[in-house]
Amino acid sequence: MILFAIIDILGSIPIVIQLRQKAGHIQSGKASLVALVLMILFLFIGEQLLKIIGLDISSFAIAGSFVIFFLAMEMILGVNFFKEEMPESVSVVPLAFPLIAGSGTLTTLLSLKSQYATQDIIAGIILNMIFVYIVLKNTARLEKLFGKAGLNILRKAFGIILLAIAIKLFRANTGL
């Protein structure tokens, strides 16, 4: 349940739909699989990998909070900060990482490691990725269900929630 709250694919629906509109297609399976592999790898080698490149978990989380912050500002203000050309389909960036398997998720995995058995965490990751896949596969249906006005409302509301998550992540890792 902790991972479900952190990944928050339901809260990311407006971003996912926006990405699909920009790119034209979302590769649900590829995004889910890449996120799954990233999370399992990070569970086992994340802390060592960060140490090798001279980073601590807090710095990684703060960097991720900035990415989340700017995604939230795009949602709230309707301004594009990320001006790179969108590929024909979206899978790895920015969907699998940092949206699904972002710094919040990855740092949470490291903290869960000290409280739960590794096989339980892996089971939680797999269950979450199945749910993520189902949501990603049905973005066109969800877009029709909500309509343009509903999506605008959701985008603004979840933008504020995403902004709050970014600030919480930043504060938790800076001691502010």
N, C-alpha and C. Protein backbone atom coordinates (compact mmCIF):
# COMPACT_ATOMS: atom_id res chain seq x y z
N MET A 1 0.82 -1.20 0.00
CA MET A 1 0.00 0.00 0.00
C MET A 1 0.86 1.26 0.00
N ILE A 2 2.01 1.21 0.64
CA ILE A 2 2.91 2.36 0.66
C ILE A 2 3.34 2.68 -0.77
N LEU A 3 3.73 1.66 -1.51
CA LEU A 3 4.15 1.88 -2.90
C LEU A 3 2.99 2.39 -3.75
N PHE A 4 1.79 1.88 -3.50
CA PHE A 4 0.61 2.34 -4.24
C PHE A 4 0.43 3.85 -4.06
N ALA A 5 0.59 4.31 -2.83
CA ALA A 5 0.44 5.75 -2.54
C ALA A 5 1.55 6.57 -3.18
N ILE A 6 2.77 6.05 -3.16
CA ILE A 6 3.90 6.80 -3.70
C ILE A 6 3.86 6.84 -5.23
N ILE A 7 3.59 5.69 -5.85
CA ILE A 7 3.54 5.64 -7.31
C ILE A 7 2.38 6.49 -7.81
N ASP A 8 1.23 6.40 -7.16
CA ASP A 8 0.04 7.22 -7.42
C ASP A 8 -0.30 7.33 -8.91
N ILE A 9 -0.47 6.19 -9.55
CA ILE A 9 -0.81 6.21 -10.98
C ILE A 9 -2.17 6.84 -11.22
N LEU A 10 -3.10 6.69 -10.27
CA LEU A 10 -4.41 7.32 -10.44
C LEU A 10 -4.28 8.84 -10.45
N GLY A 11 -3.42 9.36 -9.59
CA GLY A 11 -3.18 10.80 -9.57
C GLY A 11 -2.41 11.29 -10.77
N SER A 12 -1.74 10.36 -11.44
CA SER A 12 -0.94 10.72 -12.61
C SER A 12 -1.72 10.61 -13.92
N ILE A 13 -2.97 10.19 -13.85
CA ILE A 13 -3.78 10.02 -15.07
C ILE A 13 -3.77 11.27 -15.94
N PRO A 14 -3.96 12.48 -15.38
CA PRO A 14 -3.91 13.66 -16.25
C PRO A 14 -2.57 13.84 -16.97
N ILE A 15 -1.47 13.54 -16.28
CA ILE A 15 -0.15 13.65 -16.92
C ILE A 15 -0.01 12.61 -18.01
N VAL A 16 -0.45 11.39 -17.73
CA VAL A 16 -0.35 10.31 -18.71
C VAL A 16 -1.16 10.65 -19.96
N ILE A 17 -2.36 11.16 -19.76
CA ILE A 17 -3.21 11.53 -20.90
C ILE A 17 -2.57 12.67 -21.68
N GLN A 18 -1.99 13.63 -20.97
CA GLN A 18 -1.31 14.75 -21.64
C GLN A 18 -0.13 14.24 -22.45
N LEU A 19 0.63 13.29 -21.90
CA LEU A 19 1.75 12.71 -22.63
C LEU A 19 1.27 11.97 -23.87
N ARG A 20 0.16 11.25 -23.72
CA ARG A 20 -0.39 10.52 -24.86
C ARG A 20 -0.85 11.48 -25.95
N GLN A 21 -1.43 12.60 -25.55
CA GLN A 21 -1.89 13.59 -26.52
C GLN A 21 -0.70 14.20 -27.26
N LYS A 22 0.40 14.46 -26.55
CA LYS A 22 1.59 15.04 -27.17
C LYS A 22 2.28 14.05 -28.09
N ALA A 23 2.42 12.81 -27.62
CA ALA A 23 3.20 11.82 -28.36
C ALA A 23 2.36 10.98 -29.31
N GLY A 24 1.09 10.83 -29.02
CA GLY A 24 0.23 10.04 -29.88
C GLY A 24 0.01 8.62 -29.40
N HIS A 25 0.95 8.05 -28.66
CA HIS A 25 0.82 6.66 -28.22
C HIS A 25 1.64 6.43 -26.96
N ILE A 26 1.12 5.61 -26.08
CA ILE A 26 1.86 5.22 -24.88
C ILE A 26 2.13 3.73 -24.97
N GLN A 27 3.36 3.34 -24.79
CA GLN A 27 3.72 1.93 -24.78
C GLN A 27 3.58 1.42 -23.35
N SER A 28 2.36 1.01 -23.01
CA SER A 28 2.02 0.61 -21.64
C SER A 28 2.90 -0.52 -21.12
N GLY A 29 3.04 -1.55 -21.93
CA GLY A 29 3.83 -2.70 -21.51
C GLY A 29 5.28 -2.36 -21.28
N LYS A 30 5.86 -1.63 -22.20
CA LYS A 30 7.27 -1.25 -22.09
C LYS A 30 7.49 -0.34 -20.87
N ALA A 31 6.60 0.64 -20.67
CA ALA A 31 6.73 1.55 -19.53
C ALA A 31 6.63 0.79 -18.21
N SER A 32 5.66 -0.12 -18.13
CA SER A 32 5.46 -0.90 -16.90
C SER A 32 6.65 -1.82 -16.64
N LEU A 33 7.14 -2.46 -17.68
CA LEU A 33 8.27 -3.38 -17.54
C LEU A 33 9.54 -2.64 -17.15
N VAL A 34 9.80 -1.51 -17.80
CA VAL A 34 11.00 -0.73 -17.47
C VAL A 34 10.92 -0.23 -16.02
N ALA A 35 9.75 0.25 -15.60
CA ALA A 35 9.58 0.71 -14.22
C ALA A 35 9.79 -0.44 -13.24
N LEU A 36 9.26 -1.62 -13.57
CA LEU A 36 9.41 -2.80 -12.73
C LEU A 36 10.89 -3.15 -12.57
N VAL A 37 11.61 -3.20 -13.68
CA VAL A 37 13.04 -3.54 -13.65
C VAL A 37 13.82 -2.48 -12.87
N LEU A 38 13.52 -1.19 -13.12
CA LEU A 38 14.20 -0.12 -12.39
C LEU A 38 14.01 -0.26 -10.88
N MET A 39 12.78 -0.52 -10.47
CA MET A 39 12.50 -0.62 -9.04
C MET A 39 13.19 -1.82 -8.40
N ILE A 40 13.16 -2.97 -9.07
CA ILE A 40 13.80 -4.16 -8.51
C ILE A 40 15.32 -3.98 -8.48
N LEU A 41 15.88 -3.43 -9.55
CA LEU A 41 17.33 -3.17 -9.54
C LEU A 41 17.70 -2.20 -8.44
N PHE A 42 16.93 -1.12 -8.31
CA PHE A 42 17.24 -0.12 -7.30
C PHE A 42 17.09 -0.69 -5.89
N LEU A 43 16.17 -1.61 -5.71
CA LEU A 43 15.99 -2.27 -4.41
C LEU A 43 17.28 -2.97 -4.00
N PHE A 44 17.94 -3.61 -4.97
CA PHE A 44 19.14 -4.38 -4.66
C PHE A 44 20.43 -3.58 -4.72
N ILE A 45 20.55 -2.66 -5.67
CA ILE A 45 21.84 -1.97 -5.85
C ILE A 45 21.75 -0.44 -5.76
N GLY A 46 20.59 0.07 -5.39
CA GLY A 46 20.40 1.52 -5.38
C GLY A 46 21.34 2.29 -4.49
N GLU A 47 21.44 1.84 -3.26
CA GLU A 47 22.28 2.56 -2.31
C GLU A 47 23.75 2.54 -2.74
N GLN A 48 24.22 1.37 -3.21
CA GLN A 48 25.60 1.25 -3.67
C GLN A 48 25.84 2.11 -4.92
N LEU A 49 24.89 2.11 -5.82
CA LEU A 49 25.00 2.90 -7.05
C LEU A 49 25.11 4.40 -6.73
N LEU A 50 24.28 4.87 -5.82
CA LEU A 50 24.35 6.28 -5.43
C LEU A 50 25.69 6.61 -4.78
N LYS A 51 26.20 5.69 -3.96
CA LYS A 51 27.50 5.90 -3.32
C LYS A 51 28.63 5.97 -4.35
N ILE A 52 28.56 5.11 -5.37
CA ILE A 52 29.59 5.08 -6.41
C ILE A 52 29.68 6.42 -7.12
N ILE A 53 28.53 7.04 -7.40
CA ILE A 53 28.55 8.32 -8.11
C ILE A 53 28.58 9.51 -7.16
N GLY A 54 28.77 9.22 -5.87
CA GLY A 54 28.97 10.29 -4.89
C GLY A 54 27.70 11.00 -4.44
N LEU A 55 26.57 10.30 -4.50
CA LEU A 55 25.30 10.91 -4.07
C LEU A 55 24.75 10.19 -2.86
N ASP A 56 24.06 10.94 -2.04
CA ASP A 56 23.33 10.30 -0.96
C ASP A 56 21.85 10.25 -1.35
N ILE A 57 21.08 9.51 -0.59
CA ILE A 57 19.66 9.32 -0.90
C ILE A 57 18.91 10.65 -0.85
N SER A 58 19.26 11.51 0.08
CA SER A 58 18.59 12.80 0.20
C SER A 58 18.79 13.67 -1.04
N SER A 59 20.00 13.71 -1.56
CA SER A 59 20.27 14.49 -2.76
C SER A 59 19.48 13.96 -3.95
N PHE A 60 19.41 12.64 -4.05
CA PHE A 60 18.64 12.01 -5.12
C PHE A 60 17.16 12.37 -4.99
N ALA A 61 16.65 12.33 -3.78
CA ALA A 61 15.24 12.66 -3.54
C ALA A 61 14.95 14.13 -3.82
N ILE A 62 15.87 15.01 -3.47
CA ILE A 62 15.68 16.45 -3.72
C ILE A 62 15.66 16.72 -5.22
N ALA A 63 16.57 16.08 -5.96
CA ALA A 63 16.58 16.25 -7.43
C ALA A 63 15.25 15.78 -8.02
N GLY A 64 14.77 14.66 -7.54
CA GLY A 64 13.48 14.15 -8.01
C GLY A 64 12.34 15.08 -7.65
N SER A 65 12.44 15.73 -6.51
CA SER A 65 11.37 16.66 -6.10
C SER A 65 11.29 17.84 -7.06
N PHE A 66 12.44 18.26 -7.60
CA PHE A 66 12.42 19.36 -8.58
C PHE A 66 11.73 18.94 -9.88
N VAL A 67 12.00 17.73 -10.33
CA VAL A 67 11.35 17.23 -11.55
C VAL A 67 9.84 17.16 -11.33
N ILE A 68 9.42 16.62 -10.19
CA ILE A 68 8.00 16.53 -9.87
C ILE A 68 7.40 17.93 -9.77
N PHE A 69 8.14 18.86 -9.16
CA PHE A 69 7.68 20.23 -9.02
C PHE A 69 7.37 20.86 -10.38
N PHE A 70 8.29 20.70 -11.33
CA PHE A 70 8.07 21.30 -12.65
C PHE A 70 6.95 20.61 -13.43
N LEU A 71 6.81 19.30 -13.26
CA LEU A 71 5.67 18.61 -13.88
C LEU A 71 4.35 19.16 -13.31
N ALA A 72 4.33 19.39 -12.00
CA ALA A 72 3.14 19.94 -11.36
C ALA A 72 2.84 21.35 -11.85
N MET A 73 3.88 22.16 -12.00
CA MET A 73 3.67 23.53 -12.49
C MET A 73 3.13 23.53 -13.92
N GLU A 74 3.60 22.59 -14.74
CA GLU A 74 3.05 22.46 -16.09
C GLU A 74 1.55 22.18 -16.03
N MET A 75 1.17 21.27 -15.12
CA MET A 75 -0.24 20.90 -15.00
C MET A 75 -1.09 22.07 -14.53
N ILE A 76 -0.59 22.80 -13.56
CA ILE A 76 -1.37 23.89 -12.96
C ILE A 76 -1.44 25.10 -13.88
N LEU A 77 -0.31 25.49 -14.44
CA LEU A 77 -0.24 26.72 -15.23
C LEU A 77 -0.49 26.52 -16.72
N GLY A 78 -0.41 25.27 -17.19
CA GLY A 78 -0.58 25.01 -18.61
C GLY A 78 0.59 25.50 -19.45
N VAL A 79 1.76 25.60 -18.83
CA VAL A 79 2.98 26.05 -19.50
C VAL A 79 3.91 24.86 -19.66
N ASN A 80 4.57 24.72 -20.81
CA ASN A 80 5.51 23.63 -21.01
C ASN A 80 6.92 24.07 -20.65
N PHE A 81 7.46 23.46 -19.60
CA PHE A 81 8.84 23.73 -19.21
C PHE A 81 9.78 22.79 -19.95
N PHE A 82 9.31 21.56 -20.22
CA PHE A 82 10.11 20.57 -20.92
C PHE A 82 9.83 20.72 -22.40
N LYS A 83 10.75 21.36 -23.11
CA LYS A 83 10.51 21.75 -24.50
C LYS A 83 11.11 20.76 -25.51
N GLU A 84 11.64 19.64 -25.04
CA GLU A 84 12.22 18.69 -25.98
C GLU A 84 11.15 18.09 -26.87
N GLU A 85 11.57 17.64 -28.04
CA GLU A 85 10.63 17.03 -28.97
C GLU A 85 10.12 15.73 -28.39
N MET A 86 8.81 15.52 -28.53
CA MET A 86 8.23 14.29 -28.05
C MET A 86 8.41 13.19 -29.10
N PRO A 87 8.75 11.99 -28.67
CA PRO A 87 8.83 10.89 -29.62
C PRO A 87 7.44 10.48 -30.08
N GLU A 88 7.38 9.56 -31.04
CA GLU A 88 6.08 9.10 -31.53
C GLU A 88 5.31 8.33 -30.47
N SER A 89 6.01 7.75 -29.52
CA SER A 89 5.34 7.06 -28.42
C SER A 89 6.11 7.33 -27.14
N VAL A 90 5.43 7.18 -26.03
CA VAL A 90 6.02 7.45 -24.72
C VAL A 90 6.14 6.13 -23.98
N SER A 91 7.32 5.86 -23.44
CA SER A 91 7.45 4.66 -22.62
C SER A 91 8.43 4.89 -21.47
N VAL A 92 9.71 5.05 -21.78
CA VAL A 92 10.70 5.11 -20.72
C VAL A 92 10.74 6.48 -20.05
N VAL A 93 11.07 7.52 -20.80
CA VAL A 93 11.15 8.88 -20.23
C VAL A 93 10.02 9.69 -20.83
N PRO A 94 9.25 10.40 -20.10
CA PRO A 94 9.23 10.59 -18.65
C PRO A 94 8.25 9.67 -17.93
N LEU A 95 7.75 8.64 -18.60
CA LEU A 95 6.71 7.82 -18.00
C LEU A 95 7.27 6.81 -16.98
N ALA A 96 8.09 5.87 -17.44
CA ALA A 96 8.64 4.87 -16.52
C ALA A 96 9.52 5.54 -15.47
N PHE A 97 10.33 6.48 -15.94
CA PHE A 97 11.17 7.28 -15.04
C PHE A 97 11.12 8.71 -15.51
N PRO A 98 10.74 9.67 -14.73
CA PRO A 98 10.59 9.68 -13.29
C PRO A 98 9.15 9.57 -12.79
N LEU A 99 8.16 9.42 -13.68
CA LEU A 99 6.78 9.46 -13.22
C LEU A 99 6.40 8.24 -12.38
N ILE A 100 6.64 7.03 -12.88
CA ILE A 100 6.25 5.82 -12.15
C ILE A 100 7.35 5.44 -11.16
N ALA A 101 8.54 5.23 -11.65
CA ALA A 101 9.67 4.84 -10.80
C ALA A 101 10.56 6.05 -10.59
N GLY A 102 10.02 7.05 -9.94
CA GLY A 102 10.76 8.28 -9.70
C GLY A 102 11.56 8.21 -8.41
N SER A 103 12.14 9.33 -8.05
CA SER A 103 12.99 9.36 -6.87
C SER A 103 12.22 9.06 -5.60
N GLY A 104 10.97 9.50 -5.53
CA GLY A 104 10.16 9.19 -4.35
C GLY A 104 9.95 7.70 -4.20
N THR A 105 9.62 7.04 -5.30
CA THR A 105 9.42 5.60 -5.29
C THR A 105 10.72 4.87 -4.95
N LEU A 106 11.80 5.28 -5.60
CA LEU A 106 13.07 4.59 -5.40
C LEU A 106 13.61 4.78 -3.98
N THR A 107 13.49 5.98 -3.43
CA THR A 107 13.96 6.18 -2.05
C THR A 107 13.05 5.45 -1.06
N THR A 108 11.76 5.37 -1.37
CA THR A 108 10.83 4.61 -0.53
C THR A 108 11.23 3.14 -0.50
N LEU A 109 11.63 2.60 -1.65
CA LEU A 109 12.07 1.21 -1.70
C LEU A 109 13.24 0.96 -0.76
N LEU A 110 14.17 1.90 -0.73
CA LEU A 110 15.32 1.74 0.15
C LEU A 110 14.91 1.77 1.62
N SER A 111 13.93 2.61 1.96
CA SER A 111 13.50 2.66 3.35
C SER A 111 12.65 1.44 3.71
N LEU A 112 11.88 0.91 2.75
CA LEU A 112 11.09 -0.29 3.01
C LEU A 112 11.98 -1.50 3.26
N LYS A 113 13.15 -1.47 2.64
CA LYS A 113 14.11 -2.58 2.75
C LYS A 113 14.49 -2.84 4.21
N SER A 114 14.49 -1.79 5.02
CA SER A 114 14.87 -1.97 6.41
C SER A 114 13.71 -2.46 7.28
N GLN A 115 12.49 -2.44 6.72
CA GLN A 115 11.32 -2.82 7.52
C GLN A 115 10.65 -4.11 7.07
N TYR A 116 10.81 -4.49 5.80
CA TYR A 116 10.08 -5.63 5.25
C TYR A 116 11.03 -6.60 4.56
N ALA A 117 10.57 -7.83 4.41
CA ALA A 117 11.34 -8.85 3.69
C ALA A 117 11.40 -8.49 2.21
N THR A 118 12.52 -8.78 1.59
CA THR A 118 12.73 -8.44 0.18
C THR A 118 11.66 -9.05 -0.72
N GLN A 119 11.28 -10.31 -0.47
CA GLN A 119 10.27 -10.95 -1.32
C GLN A 119 8.92 -10.26 -1.19
N ASP A 120 8.61 -9.72 -0.01
CA ASP A 120 7.35 -8.98 0.16
C ASP A 120 7.37 -7.67 -0.62
N ILE A 121 8.52 -7.00 -0.63
CA ILE A 121 8.65 -5.75 -1.38
C ILE A 121 8.53 -6.03 -2.88
N ILE A 122 9.17 -7.10 -3.34
CA ILE A 122 9.08 -7.47 -4.76
C ILE A 122 7.64 -7.79 -5.14
N ALA A 123 6.93 -8.51 -4.27
CA ALA A 123 5.52 -8.82 -4.54
C ALA A 123 4.70 -7.53 -4.64
N GLY A 124 4.99 -6.57 -3.75
CA GLY A 124 4.31 -5.27 -3.79
C GLY A 124 4.61 -4.52 -5.08
N ILE A 125 5.85 -4.58 -5.53
CA ILE A 125 6.25 -3.93 -6.79
C ILE A 125 5.48 -4.55 -7.95
N ILE A 126 5.46 -5.86 -8.01
CA ILE A 126 4.78 -6.56 -9.11
C ILE A 126 3.29 -6.24 -9.13
N LEU A 127 2.63 -6.29 -7.98
CA LEU A 127 1.20 -5.96 -7.92
C LEU A 127 0.94 -4.53 -8.37
N ASN A 128 1.79 -3.61 -7.95
CA ASN A 128 1.63 -2.22 -8.37
C ASN A 128 1.83 -2.06 -9.87
N MET A 129 2.78 -2.76 -10.43
CA MET A 129 3.04 -2.63 -11.86
C MET A 129 1.92 -3.23 -12.71
N ILE A 130 1.27 -4.27 -12.20
CA ILE A 130 0.10 -4.82 -12.90
C ILE A 130 -1.01 -3.76 -12.93
N PHE A 131 -1.23 -3.10 -11.80
CA PHE A 131 -2.25 -2.04 -11.74
C PHE A 131 -1.87 -0.87 -12.65
N VAL A 132 -0.61 -0.48 -12.63
CA VAL A 132 -0.12 0.61 -13.49
C VAL A 132 -0.36 0.26 -14.96
N TYR A 133 -0.04 -0.97 -15.34
CA TYR A 133 -0.24 -1.42 -16.72
C TYR A 133 -1.71 -1.30 -17.12
N ILE A 134 -2.59 -1.73 -16.26
CA ILE A 134 -4.04 -1.67 -16.56
C ILE A 134 -4.47 -0.22 -16.76
N VAL A 135 -4.02 0.68 -15.90
CA VAL A 135 -4.37 2.10 -16.03
C VAL A 135 -3.80 2.67 -17.33
N LEU A 136 -2.52 2.39 -17.61
CA LEU A 136 -1.89 2.92 -18.82
C LEU A 136 -2.56 2.39 -20.08
N LYS A 137 -2.96 1.14 -20.05
CA LYS A 137 -3.59 0.52 -21.21
C LYS A 137 -4.96 1.16 -21.51
N ASN A 138 -5.56 1.74 -20.49
CA ASN A 138 -6.92 2.27 -20.64
C ASN A 138 -6.98 3.80 -20.63
N THR A 139 -5.89 4.48 -20.97
CA THR A 139 -5.90 5.94 -20.94
C THR A 139 -6.89 6.54 -21.93
N ALA A 140 -7.06 5.92 -23.10
CA ALA A 140 -8.02 6.45 -24.08
C ALA A 140 -9.43 6.38 -23.52
N ARG A 141 -9.76 5.28 -22.88
CA ARG A 141 -11.10 5.14 -22.26
C ARG A 141 -11.28 6.16 -21.13
N LEU A 142 -10.24 6.32 -20.33
CA LEU A 142 -10.33 7.28 -19.23
C LEU A 142 -10.49 8.70 -19.75
N GLU A 143 -9.81 8.99 -20.85
CA GLU A 143 -9.92 10.33 -21.45
C GLU A 143 -11.35 10.58 -21.92
N LYS A 144 -11.97 9.59 -22.55
CA LYS A 144 -13.37 9.73 -22.99
C LYS A 144 -14.31 9.85 -21.80
N LEU A 145 -14.04 9.08 -20.76
CA LEU A 145 -14.87 9.09 -19.57
C LEU A 145 -14.89 10.47 -18.91
N PHE A 146 -13.73 11.08 -18.76
CA PHE A 146 -13.64 12.37 -18.08
C PHE A 146 -14.00 13.55 -18.97
N GLY A 147 -13.76 13.43 -20.26
CA GLY A 147 -14.02 14.54 -21.17
C GLY A 147 -13.00 15.65 -21.00
N LYS A 148 -13.06 16.64 -21.87
CA LYS A 148 -12.07 17.73 -21.85
C LYS A 148 -12.15 18.56 -20.57
N ALA A 149 -13.37 18.92 -20.17
CA ALA A 149 -13.53 19.73 -18.95
C ALA A 149 -13.10 18.95 -17.71
N GLY A 150 -13.48 17.68 -17.65
CA GLY A 150 -13.10 16.85 -16.52
C GLY A 150 -11.60 16.68 -16.41
N LEU A 151 -10.96 16.52 -17.56
CA LEU A 151 -9.50 16.39 -17.57
C LEU A 151 -8.82 17.67 -17.11
N ASN A 152 -9.35 18.81 -17.51
CA ASN A 152 -8.78 20.08 -17.06
C ASN A 152 -8.88 20.22 -15.55
N ILE A 153 -10.03 19.84 -15.02
CA ILE A 153 -10.21 19.90 -13.56
C ILE A 153 -9.25 18.94 -12.87
N LEU A 154 -9.20 17.70 -13.39
CA LEU A 154 -8.28 16.72 -12.81
C LEU A 154 -6.84 17.18 -12.90
N ARG A 155 -6.46 17.72 -14.03
CA ARG A 155 -5.07 18.17 -14.24
C ARG A 155 -4.70 19.23 -13.21
N LYS A 156 -5.57 20.20 -12.99
CA LYS A 156 -5.28 21.26 -12.01
C LYS A 156 -5.25 20.70 -10.59
N ALA A 157 -6.27 19.88 -10.26
CA ALA A 157 -6.35 19.34 -8.90
C ALA A 157 -5.16 18.44 -8.59
N PHE A 158 -4.84 17.52 -9.50
CA PHE A 158 -3.72 16.63 -9.26
C PHE A 158 -2.39 17.35 -9.42
N GLY A 159 -2.36 18.44 -10.15
CA GLY A 159 -1.17 19.26 -10.23
C GLY A 159 -0.83 19.84 -8.86
N ILE A 160 -1.85 20.29 -8.16
CA ILE A 160 -1.64 20.83 -6.81
C ILE A 160 -1.19 19.72 -5.85
N ILE A 161 -1.80 18.53 -5.99
CA ILE A 161 -1.39 17.40 -5.15
C ILE A 161 0.05 17.01 -5.47
N LEU A 162 0.40 16.97 -6.74
CA LEU A 162 1.77 16.64 -7.14
C LEU A 162 2.74 17.70 -6.62
N LEU A 163 2.34 18.95 -6.66
CA LEU A 163 3.15 20.04 -6.13
C LEU A 163 3.39 19.84 -4.63
N ALA A 164 2.35 19.45 -3.90
CA ALA A 164 2.49 19.20 -2.47
C ALA A 164 3.42 18.02 -2.20
N ILE A 165 3.34 16.98 -3.04
CA ILE A 165 4.23 15.83 -2.89
C ILE A 165 5.68 16.26 -3.12
N ALA A 166 5.90 17.10 -4.14
CA ALA A 166 7.25 17.59 -4.42
C ALA A 166 7.80 18.38 -3.23
N ILE A 167 6.97 19.23 -2.67
CA ILE A 167 7.41 20.04 -1.52
C ILE A 167 7.67 19.15 -0.31
N LYS A 168 6.81 18.16 -0.09
CA LYS A 168 7.01 17.24 1.04
C LYS A 168 8.31 16.47 0.87
N LEU A 169 8.57 15.99 -0.32
CA LEU A 169 9.80 15.26 -0.61
C LEU A 169 11.02 16.15 -0.39
N PHE A 170 10.92 17.40 -0.84
CA PHE A 170 12.00 18.36 -0.67
C PHE A 170 12.24 18.63 0.84
N ARG A 171 11.16 18.92 1.55
CA ARG A 171 11.28 19.24 2.98
C ARG A 171 11.82 18.07 3.79
N ALA A 172 11.35 16.87 3.47
CA ALA A 172 11.77 15.68 4.21
C ALA A 172 13.26 15.42 4.05
N ASN A 173 13.82 15.85 2.95
CA ASN A 173 15.22 15.56 2.67
C ASN A 173 16.15 16.76 2.88
N THR A 174 15.59 17.90 3.27
CA THR A 174 16.43 19.06 3.59
C THR A 174 16.34 19.45 5.05
N GLY A 175 15.37 18.87 5.75
CA GLY A 175 15.18 19.19 7.16
C GLY A 175 14.45 20.50 7.38
N LEU A 176 13.83 21.04 6.34
CA LEU A 176 13.07 22.30 6.50
C LEU A 176 11.69 22.06 7.01
